[in-house]
C-alpha atoms as a PDB file:
ATOM      1  CA  MET A   1     -21.039  -7.649  19.869  1.00  0.00           C
ATOM      2  CA  ALA A   2     -20.336  -7.993  16.154  1.00  0.00           C
ATOM      3  CA  VAL A   3     -16.965  -9.279  14.918  1.00  0.00           C
ATOM      4  CA  ALA A   4     -15.400  -8.667  11.512  1.00  0.00           C
ATOM      5  CA  ALA A   5     -13.100 -11.295   9.977  1.00  0.00           C
ATOM      6  CA  LEU A   6     -10.895 -10.229   7.084  1.00  0.00           C
ATOM      7  CA  LEU A   7     -11.397 -12.708   4.255  1.00  0.00           C
ATOM      8  CA  ASP A   8      -9.663 -11.227   1.210  1.00  0.00           C
ATOM      9  CA  SER A   9      -7.753  -8.165  -0.029  1.00  0.00           C
ATOM     10  CA  GLN A  10      -7.407  -6.642  -3.464  1.00  0.00           C
ATOM     11  CA  LEU A  11      -4.918  -4.040  -4.670  1.00  0.00           C
ATOM     12  CA  SER A  12      -6.243  -1.451  -7.130  1.00  0.00           C
ATOM     13  CA  LEU A  13      -4.101   0.940  -9.132  1.00  0.00           C
ATOM     14  CA  VAL A  14      -5.899   3.895 -10.763  1.00  0.00           C
ATOM     15  CA  PHE A  15      -4.186   5.486 -13.772  1.00  0.00           C
ATOM     16  CA  ASP A  16      -4.704   8.792 -15.528  1.00  0.00           C
ATOM     17  CA  MET A  17      -5.721   8.216 -19.151  1.00  0.00           C
ATOM     18  CA  GLY A  18      -6.121  11.866 -20.145  1.00  0.00           C
ATOM     19  CA  LEU A  19      -9.261  13.795 -20.937  1.00  0.00           C
ATOM     20  CA  ASP A  20     -12.226  13.028 -23.154  1.00  0.00           C
ATOM     21  CA  GLU A  21     -13.593  15.476 -25.745  1.00  0.00           C
ATOM     22  CA  ASN A  22     -15.638  17.242 -23.009  1.00  0.00           C
ATOM     23  CA  GLY A  23     -12.610  17.780 -20.767  1.00  0.00           C
ATOM     24  CA  LYS A  24     -13.658  15.043 -18.265  1.00  0.00           C
ATOM     25  CA  ALA A  25     -10.853  12.976 -16.765  1.00  0.00           C
ATOM     26  CA  ILE A  26     -10.559   9.396 -17.945  1.00  0.00           C
ATOM     27  CA  THR A  27      -9.168   6.828 -15.528  1.00  0.00           C
ATOM     28  CA  LYS A  28      -8.257   3.161 -15.851  1.00  0.00           C
ATOM     29  CA  ARG A  29      -8.255   0.779 -12.918  1.00  0.00           C
ATOM     30  CA  LYS A  30      -6.100  -2.334 -12.685  1.00  0.00           C
ATOM     31  CA  ASN A  31      -6.995  -4.814  -9.930  1.00  0.00           C
ATOM     32  CA  TYR A  32      -4.736  -7.442  -8.452  1.00  0.00           C
ATOM     33  CA  ASN A  33      -6.421 -10.183  -6.442  1.00  0.00           C
ATOM     34  CA  ASN A  34      -5.179 -12.565  -3.768  1.00  0.00           C
ATOM     35  CA  VAL A  35      -3.233  -9.936  -1.868  1.00  0.00           C
ATOM     36  CA  LYS A  36      -2.031 -11.226   1.474  1.00  0.00           C
ATOM     37  CA  THR A  37      -4.424  -9.981   4.120  1.00  0.00           C
ATOM     38  CA  SER A  38      -1.448  -9.452   6.461  1.00  0.00           C
ATOM     39  CA  ALA A  39       0.299  -7.069   4.030  1.00  0.00           C
ATOM     40  CA  THR A  40       1.005  -3.654   5.510  1.00  0.00           C
ATOM     41  CA  PRO A  41       0.247  -0.348   3.689  1.00  0.00           C
ATOM     42  CA  ASP A  42       4.019   0.130   3.186  1.00  0.00           C
ATOM     43  CA  GLN A  43       4.361  -3.295   1.588  1.00  0.00           C
ATOM     44  CA  LEU A  44       1.414  -2.634  -0.715  1.00  0.00           C
ATOM     45  CA  LEU A  45       2.826   0.719  -1.756  1.00  0.00           C
ATOM     46  CA  GLN A  46       6.183  -0.864  -2.519  1.00  0.00           C
ATOM     47  CA  GLU A  47       4.490  -3.466  -4.715  1.00  0.00           C
ATOM     48  CA  ALA A  48       2.375  -0.790  -6.430  1.00  0.00           C
ATOM     49  CA  GLN A  49       5.483   1.237  -7.203  1.00  0.00           C
ATOM     50  CA  ALA A  50       7.172  -1.836  -8.734  1.00  0.00           C
ATOM     51  CA  ILE A  51       4.152  -2.456 -10.936  1.00  0.00           C
ATOM     52  CA  VAL A  52       3.847   1.207 -11.961  1.00  0.00           C
ATOM     53  CA  SER A  53       7.505   1.255 -13.062  1.00  0.00           C
ATOM     54  CA  LEU A  54       6.447  -1.165 -15.818  1.00  0.00           C
ATOM     55  CA  GLN A  55       3.508   0.999 -16.976  1.00  0.00           C
ATOM     56  CA  THR A  56       3.404   3.938 -19.353  1.00  0.00           C
ATOM     57  CA  GLU A  57       0.422   5.652 -17.730  1.00  0.00           C
ATOM     58  CA  THR A  58       0.611   8.027 -14.769  1.00  0.00           C
ATOM     59  CA  LEU A  59      -0.559   6.608 -11.442  1.00  0.00           C
ATOM     60  CA  LEU A  60      -3.267   8.665  -9.697  1.00  0.00           C
ATOM     61  CA  TYR A  61      -3.671   6.620  -6.536  1.00  0.00           C
ATOM     62  CA  VAL A  62      -3.510   3.190  -4.927  1.00  0.00           C
ATOM     63  CA  GLU A  63      -6.415   1.509  -3.146  1.00  0.00           C
ATOM     64  CA  ARG A  64      -6.750  -1.533  -0.939  1.00  0.00           C
ATOM     65  CA  ASN A  65     -10.145  -3.174  -1.051  1.00  0.00           C
ATOM     66  CA  ASP A  66     -10.830  -5.590   1.828  1.00  0.00           C
ATOM     67  CA  THR A  67     -13.663  -8.110   2.103  1.00  0.00           C
ATOM     68  CA  ASN A  68     -14.857  -8.781   5.604  1.00  0.00           C
ATOM     69  CA  GLN A  69     -17.339 -11.229   7.049  1.00  0.00           C
ATOM     70  CA  ILE A  70     -19.314  -9.818   9.936  1.00  0.00           C
ATOM     71  CA  THR A  71     -20.761 -12.174  12.518  1.00  0.00           C
ATOM     72  CA  GLU A  72     -22.202 -11.925  15.983  1.00  0.00           C
END
């Protein structure tokens, strides 16, 4: 049976940057590396809210990107 080992986590904040001349939404992504792999979703959201309070753009959503190593 395969086993997945969590190696690394990254926090991504996606911001609304308005619309382009064709009316298409423009977004900006800010990535934060070296997130503790043991961090809970509540802890990540709390950190994201602290970061967003320092920004002028509107936050669209928060993502957690995990890197796993899969072995047998």
